[in-house]
Every structure is written in C-alpha cells, then in structure tokens.
C-alpha cells in the first residue's frame, strides 16, 4: 500500500492576494521531488500562475509555509475522490521544479 501525504501551501503577498493550494503525493514522489532542494536556501525565483500573476519565493519561504500531513487510506480516498489530487492557485510540483531548474542555471 502506498503512503500518501497532503502538502498544503498557504501564503499572502503584500496584502495583494492570498495563495492556497494543496497537492497529494505518494511518499516516494514527495521524497523524490524535495531531494536536492536546499530547504534553507534564500535564493528567490519567480513562479507564474494565472495569465500574468507571479510570486517571488525562496525554498526557505516555501518550506516555511507548507504543512505536510500523512493521510490514512480513508482520508486519501475521500479527498482524492472529492477534489482530486490537487486544488488551488498553484500546482506545488511547479514550485518544486522551478527550484530545481534554478539550481541547474
């Protein structure tokens, strides 16, 4: 049986807008996604969403604004069947990938 996490991201940007998203990861996928990312890095990257909105965020800020909760099989089924594997303003995978891409540049 796969273990699942729900990763919840919440942040507010200069009183202009609030961001709230969640994504469900298997334990393996989550560990793969965060491997190689320095969670205390202050280096900022731009993450775009919508048609022309973006945030400037560092790994340190992102990891300080997430909550990772292990889901029971019942919780996983309810959330995944009701809302799907992600919901919100920003796809969390995109943030993690941008941190990795920035490391390659």
N, C-alpha and C. Protein backbone atom coordinates (compact mmCIF):
# COMPACT_ATOMS: atom_id res chain seq x y z
N UNK A 1 0.83 -1.19 0.00
CA UNK A 1 0.00 0.00 0.00
C UNK A 1 0.88 1.26 0.00
N UNK A 2 0.53 2.21 -0.86
CA UNK A 2 1.26 3.46 -0.91
C UNK A 2 0.88 4.37 0.25
N UNK A 3 1.88 4.99 0.85
CA UNK A 3 1.61 6.03 1.84
C UNK A 3 1.42 7.33 1.07
N UNK A 4 0.48 8.14 1.52
CA UNK A 4 0.21 9.42 0.86
C UNK A 4 0.35 10.58 1.84
N UNK A 5 0.83 11.70 1.30
CA UNK A 5 0.89 12.95 2.05
C UNK A 5 0.01 13.96 1.35
N UNK A 6 -0.61 14.83 2.12
CA UNK A 6 -1.21 16.02 1.55
C UNK A 6 -0.29 17.16 1.95
N UNK A 7 0.14 17.93 0.94
CA UNK A 7 1.01 19.07 1.17
C UNK A 7 0.16 20.32 0.95
N UNK A 8 0.06 21.13 1.99
CA UNK A 8 -0.78 22.33 1.96
C UNK A 8 0.14 23.54 1.97
N UNK A 9 -0.05 24.42 1.00
CA UNK A 9 0.75 25.65 0.87
C UNK A 9 -0.19 26.84 1.04
N UNK A 10 0.18 27.74 1.95
CA UNK A 10 -0.57 28.98 2.16
C UNK A 10 0.42 30.12 2.30
N UNK A 11 0.10 31.23 1.62
CA UNK A 11 0.95 32.41 1.76
C UNK A 11 0.14 33.64 1.36
N UNK A 12 0.58 34.78 1.82
CA UNK A 12 -0.04 36.06 1.49
C UNK A 12 1.04 36.97 0.93
N UNK A 13 0.73 37.67 -0.14
CA UNK A 13 1.73 38.50 -0.79
C UNK A 13 1.34 39.97 -0.75
N UNK A 14 2.03 40.70 0.09
CA UNK A 14 1.93 42.16 0.16
C UNK A 14 0.48 42.63 0.24
N UNK A 15 -0.33 41.90 0.92
CA UNK A 15 -1.75 42.22 1.06
C UNK A 15 -2.46 42.37 -0.28
N UNK A 16 -1.86 41.83 -1.34
CA UNK A 16 -2.48 41.90 -2.67
C UNK A 16 -3.33 40.67 -2.95
N UNK A 17 -2.84 39.50 -2.55
CA UNK A 17 -3.59 38.28 -2.77
C UNK A 17 -3.08 37.19 -1.84
N UNK A 18 -3.94 36.22 -1.62
CA UNK A 18 -3.58 35.05 -0.83
C UNK A 18 -3.46 33.86 -1.77
N UNK A 19 -2.53 33.00 -1.48
CA UNK A 19 -2.37 31.77 -2.23
C UNK A 19 -2.66 30.60 -1.31
N UNK A 20 -3.48 29.69 -1.79
CA UNK A 20 -3.76 28.47 -1.05
C UNK A 20 -3.84 27.34 -2.05
N UNK A 21 -3.09 26.29 -1.80
CA UNK A 21 -3.09 25.12 -2.68
C UNK A 21 -2.81 23.89 -1.86
N UNK A 22 -3.27 22.76 -2.38
CA UNK A 22 -2.83 21.50 -1.82
C UNK A 22 -2.57 20.54 -2.96
N UNK A 23 -1.72 19.57 -2.68
CA UNK A 23 -1.45 18.50 -3.63
C UNK A 23 -1.18 17.24 -2.84
N UNK A 24 -1.67 16.13 -3.37
CA UNK A 24 -1.44 14.83 -2.74
C UNK A 24 -0.26 14.17 -3.45
N UNK A 25 0.68 13.67 -2.65
CA UNK A 25 1.87 12.99 -3.15
C UNK A 25 1.94 11.61 -2.52
N UNK A 26 2.47 10.64 -3.25
CA UNK A 26 2.88 9.42 -2.57
C UNK A 26 4.14 9.78 -1.80
N UNK A 27 4.47 9.00 -0.81
CA UNK A 27 5.68 9.25 -0.04
C UNK A 27 6.90 9.26 -0.95
N UNK A 28 6.96 8.31 -1.88
CA UNK A 28 8.10 8.23 -2.80
C UNK A 28 8.19 9.46 -3.69
N UNK A 29 7.06 9.89 -4.25
CA UNK A 29 7.05 11.07 -5.13
C UNK A 29 7.48 12.32 -4.37
N UNK A 30 6.96 12.52 -3.16
CA UNK A 30 7.33 13.67 -2.35
C UNK A 30 8.83 13.67 -2.07
N UNK A 31 9.37 12.54 -1.64
CA UNK A 31 10.79 12.46 -1.34
C UNK A 31 11.64 12.71 -2.58
N UNK A 32 11.20 12.20 -3.74
CA UNK A 32 11.91 12.47 -4.99
C UNK A 32 11.87 13.96 -5.34
N UNK A 33 10.72 14.59 -5.16
CA UNK A 33 10.56 16.00 -5.52
C UNK A 33 11.42 16.91 -4.65
N UNK A 34 11.54 16.62 -3.37
CA UNK A 34 12.28 17.52 -2.48
C UNK A 34 13.77 17.19 -2.40
N UNK A 35 14.15 16.03 -2.93
CA UNK A 35 15.57 15.68 -2.86
C UNK A 35 16.37 16.67 -3.72
N UNK A 36 17.46 17.09 -3.20
CA UNK A 36 18.33 18.02 -3.92
C UNK A 36 17.94 19.48 -3.78
N UNK A 37 16.85 19.78 -3.09
CA UNK A 37 16.46 21.17 -2.86
C UNK A 37 16.94 21.56 -1.46
N UNK A 38 17.74 22.61 -1.39
CA UNK A 38 18.22 23.12 -0.12
C UNK A 38 17.07 23.91 0.53
N UNK A 39 16.45 23.33 1.54
CA UNK A 39 15.25 23.92 2.13
C UNK A 39 15.52 25.20 2.91
N UNK A 40 16.77 25.52 3.17
CA UNK A 40 17.09 26.76 3.87
C UNK A 40 17.67 27.82 2.94
N UNK A 41 17.60 27.56 1.63
CA UNK A 41 18.13 28.48 0.62
C UNK A 41 17.26 29.75 0.54
N UNK A 42 17.91 30.91 0.59
CA UNK A 42 17.21 32.20 0.50
C UNK A 42 17.10 32.72 -0.93
N UNK A 43 17.69 32.03 -1.89
CA UNK A 43 17.68 32.48 -3.29
C UNK A 43 16.26 32.44 -3.84
N UNK A 44 15.79 33.56 -4.37
CA UNK A 44 14.40 33.67 -4.81
C UNK A 44 14.24 33.35 -6.29
N UNK A 45 13.09 32.79 -6.63
CA UNK A 45 12.73 32.51 -8.02
C UNK A 45 11.32 33.05 -8.26
N UNK A 46 11.00 33.29 -9.53
CA UNK A 46 9.65 33.72 -9.89
C UNK A 46 8.83 32.51 -10.28
N UNK A 47 7.63 32.43 -9.74
CA UNK A 47 6.69 31.37 -10.06
C UNK A 47 5.44 32.04 -10.63
N UNK A 48 5.13 31.73 -11.90
CA UNK A 48 3.98 32.35 -12.56
C UNK A 48 2.75 31.47 -12.43
N UNK A 49 1.59 32.13 -12.34
CA UNK A 49 0.31 31.43 -12.32
C UNK A 49 -0.72 32.37 -12.93
N UNK A 50 -1.84 31.82 -13.35
CA UNK A 50 -2.84 32.65 -13.99
C UNK A 50 -2.32 33.20 -15.32
N UNK A 51 -2.83 34.35 -15.73
CA UNK A 51 -2.41 34.91 -17.01
C UNK A 51 -1.18 35.79 -16.90
N UNK A 52 -1.05 36.53 -15.81
CA UNK A 52 0.12 37.40 -15.68
C UNK A 52 0.53 37.65 -14.23
N UNK A 53 0.12 36.78 -13.34
CA UNK A 53 0.48 36.92 -11.93
C UNK A 53 1.68 36.04 -11.61
N UNK A 54 2.47 36.49 -10.65
CA UNK A 54 3.58 35.67 -10.20
C UNK A 54 3.93 36.01 -8.77
N UNK A 55 4.66 35.10 -8.16
CA UNK A 55 5.20 35.34 -6.82
C UNK A 55 6.71 35.19 -6.91
N UNK A 56 7.37 35.82 -6.00
CA UNK A 56 8.81 35.65 -5.85
C UNK A 56 8.99 34.93 -4.52
N UNK A 57 9.63 33.76 -4.59
CA UNK A 57 9.68 32.91 -3.40
C UNK A 57 11.00 32.15 -3.36
N UNK A 58 11.48 31.90 -2.18
CA UNK A 58 12.69 31.11 -1.98
C UNK A 58 12.29 29.74 -1.42
N UNK A 59 13.17 28.76 -1.56
CA UNK A 59 12.87 27.48 -0.91
C UNK A 59 12.61 27.63 0.59
N UNK A 60 13.39 28.50 1.24
CA UNK A 60 13.21 28.70 2.69
C UNK A 60 11.80 29.21 2.99
N UNK A 61 11.33 30.17 2.21
CA UNK A 61 9.99 30.71 2.41
C UNK A 61 8.93 29.65 2.11
N UNK A 62 9.10 28.92 1.00
CA UNK A 62 8.13 27.89 0.63
C UNK A 62 8.02 26.82 1.70
N UNK A 63 9.15 26.26 2.11
CA UNK A 63 9.12 25.18 3.10
C UNK A 63 8.65 25.68 4.47
N UNK A 64 8.78 26.98 4.72
CA UNK A 64 8.25 27.56 5.96
C UNK A 64 6.75 27.77 5.92
N UNK A 65 6.16 27.67 4.72
CA UNK A 65 4.73 27.93 4.55
C UNK A 65 3.95 26.70 4.10
N UNK A 66 4.51 25.53 4.29
CA UNK A 66 3.77 24.32 3.93
C UNK A 66 3.52 23.48 5.17
N UNK A 67 2.51 22.68 5.04
CA UNK A 67 2.17 21.71 6.06
C UNK A 67 2.09 20.36 5.35
N UNK A 68 2.83 19.38 5.83
CA UNK A 68 2.84 18.04 5.23
C UNK A 68 2.20 17.10 6.23
N UNK A 69 1.11 16.47 5.78
CA UNK A 69 0.35 15.59 6.66
C UNK A 69 0.23 14.22 6.00
N UNK A 70 0.55 13.17 6.74
CA UNK A 70 0.35 11.83 6.23
C UNK A 70 -1.14 11.50 6.29
N UNK A 71 -1.66 10.95 5.19
CA UNK A 71 -3.08 10.62 5.10
C UNK A 71 -3.32 9.13 5.35
N UNK A 72 -4.40 8.85 6.03
CA UNK A 72 -4.83 7.46 6.13
C UNK A 72 -5.44 7.07 4.79
N UNK A 73 -5.66 5.79 4.58
CA UNK A 73 -6.26 5.33 3.32
C UNK A 73 -7.65 5.93 3.12
N UNK A 74 -8.40 6.04 4.18
CA UNK A 74 -9.76 6.62 4.09
C UNK A 74 -9.68 8.10 3.75
N UNK A 75 -8.80 8.84 4.42
CA UNK A 75 -8.65 10.27 4.13
C UNK A 75 -8.22 10.48 2.68
N UNK A 76 -7.26 9.68 2.23
CA UNK A 76 -6.82 9.77 0.84
C UNK A 76 -7.98 9.55 -0.12
N UNK A 77 -8.74 8.50 0.08
CA UNK A 77 -9.87 8.19 -0.79
C UNK A 77 -10.88 9.33 -0.82
N UNK A 78 -11.23 9.86 0.32
CA UNK A 78 -12.22 10.93 0.39
C UNK A 78 -11.74 12.17 -0.35
N UNK A 79 -10.52 12.62 -0.05
CA UNK A 79 -10.00 13.84 -0.69
C UNK A 79 -9.81 13.63 -2.18
N UNK A 80 -9.17 12.53 -2.55
CA UNK A 80 -8.88 12.28 -3.96
C UNK A 80 -10.16 12.10 -4.79
N UNK A 81 -11.14 11.42 -4.23
CA UNK A 81 -12.39 11.20 -4.96
C UNK A 81 -13.29 12.43 -4.99
N UNK A 82 -13.13 13.33 -4.03
CA UNK A 82 -13.97 14.52 -3.96
C UNK A 82 -13.35 15.70 -4.71
N UNK A 83 -12.09 15.97 -4.45
CA UNK A 83 -11.44 17.16 -5.01
C UNK A 83 -10.35 16.85 -6.04
N UNK A 84 -9.87 15.64 -6.06
CA UNK A 84 -8.78 15.29 -6.95
C UNK A 84 -7.45 15.36 -6.21
N UNK A 85 -6.37 15.18 -6.95
CA UNK A 85 -5.05 15.11 -6.33
C UNK A 85 -4.42 16.47 -6.06
N UNK A 86 -5.03 17.53 -6.58
CA UNK A 86 -4.55 18.88 -6.25
C UNK A 86 -5.67 19.87 -6.44
N UNK A 87 -5.53 21.01 -5.75
CA UNK A 87 -6.54 22.05 -5.84
C UNK A 87 -5.91 23.34 -5.36
N UNK A 88 -6.21 24.44 -6.01
CA UNK A 88 -5.72 25.72 -5.53
C UNK A 88 -5.17 26.60 -6.62
N UNK A 89 -4.41 27.58 -6.21
CA UNK A 89 -3.87 28.60 -7.10
C UNK A 89 -2.65 28.11 -7.88
N UNK A 90 -1.79 27.39 -7.21
CA UNK A 90 -0.51 26.98 -7.80
C UNK A 90 -0.32 25.48 -7.62
N UNK A 91 0.14 24.83 -8.66
CA UNK A 91 0.47 23.42 -8.62
C UNK A 91 1.82 23.30 -7.89
N UNK A 92 1.84 22.62 -6.76
CA UNK A 92 3.04 22.57 -5.92
C UNK A 92 4.22 21.95 -6.66
N UNK A 93 3.95 20.95 -7.51
CA UNK A 93 5.03 20.37 -8.33
C UNK A 93 5.76 21.44 -9.14
N UNK A 94 5.03 22.45 -9.64
CA UNK A 94 5.65 23.51 -10.44
C UNK A 94 6.64 24.33 -9.61
N UNK A 95 6.29 24.58 -8.37
CA UNK A 95 7.20 25.33 -7.49
C UNK A 95 8.48 24.52 -7.27
N UNK A 96 8.31 23.25 -6.95
CA UNK A 96 9.48 22.39 -6.68
C UNK A 96 10.35 22.26 -7.92
N UNK A 97 9.74 22.11 -9.09
CA UNK A 97 10.51 22.01 -10.34
C UNK A 97 11.27 23.29 -10.62
N UNK A 98 10.67 24.44 -10.34
CA UNK A 98 11.34 25.73 -10.58
C UNK A 98 12.56 25.86 -9.68
N UNK A 99 12.47 25.39 -8.44
CA UNK A 99 13.63 25.42 -7.56
C UNK A 99 14.75 24.56 -8.14
N UNK A 100 14.39 23.41 -8.68
CA UNK A 100 15.41 22.52 -9.27
C UNK A 100 16.01 23.11 -10.53
N UNK A 101 15.17 23.71 -11.40
CA UNK A 101 15.66 24.34 -12.61
C UNK A 101 16.62 25.46 -12.30
N UNK A 102 16.30 26.26 -11.28
CA UNK A 102 17.15 27.36 -10.92
C UNK A 102 18.52 26.87 -10.44
N UNK A 103 18.56 25.70 -9.83
CA UNK A 103 19.84 25.13 -9.41
C UNK A 103 20.70 24.76 -10.60
N UNK A 104 20.06 24.39 -11.73
CA UNK A 104 20.79 23.99 -12.92
C UNK A 104 21.35 25.16 -13.72
N UNK A 105 20.81 26.35 -13.49
CA UNK A 105 21.23 27.52 -14.29
C UNK A 105 22.52 28.12 -13.79
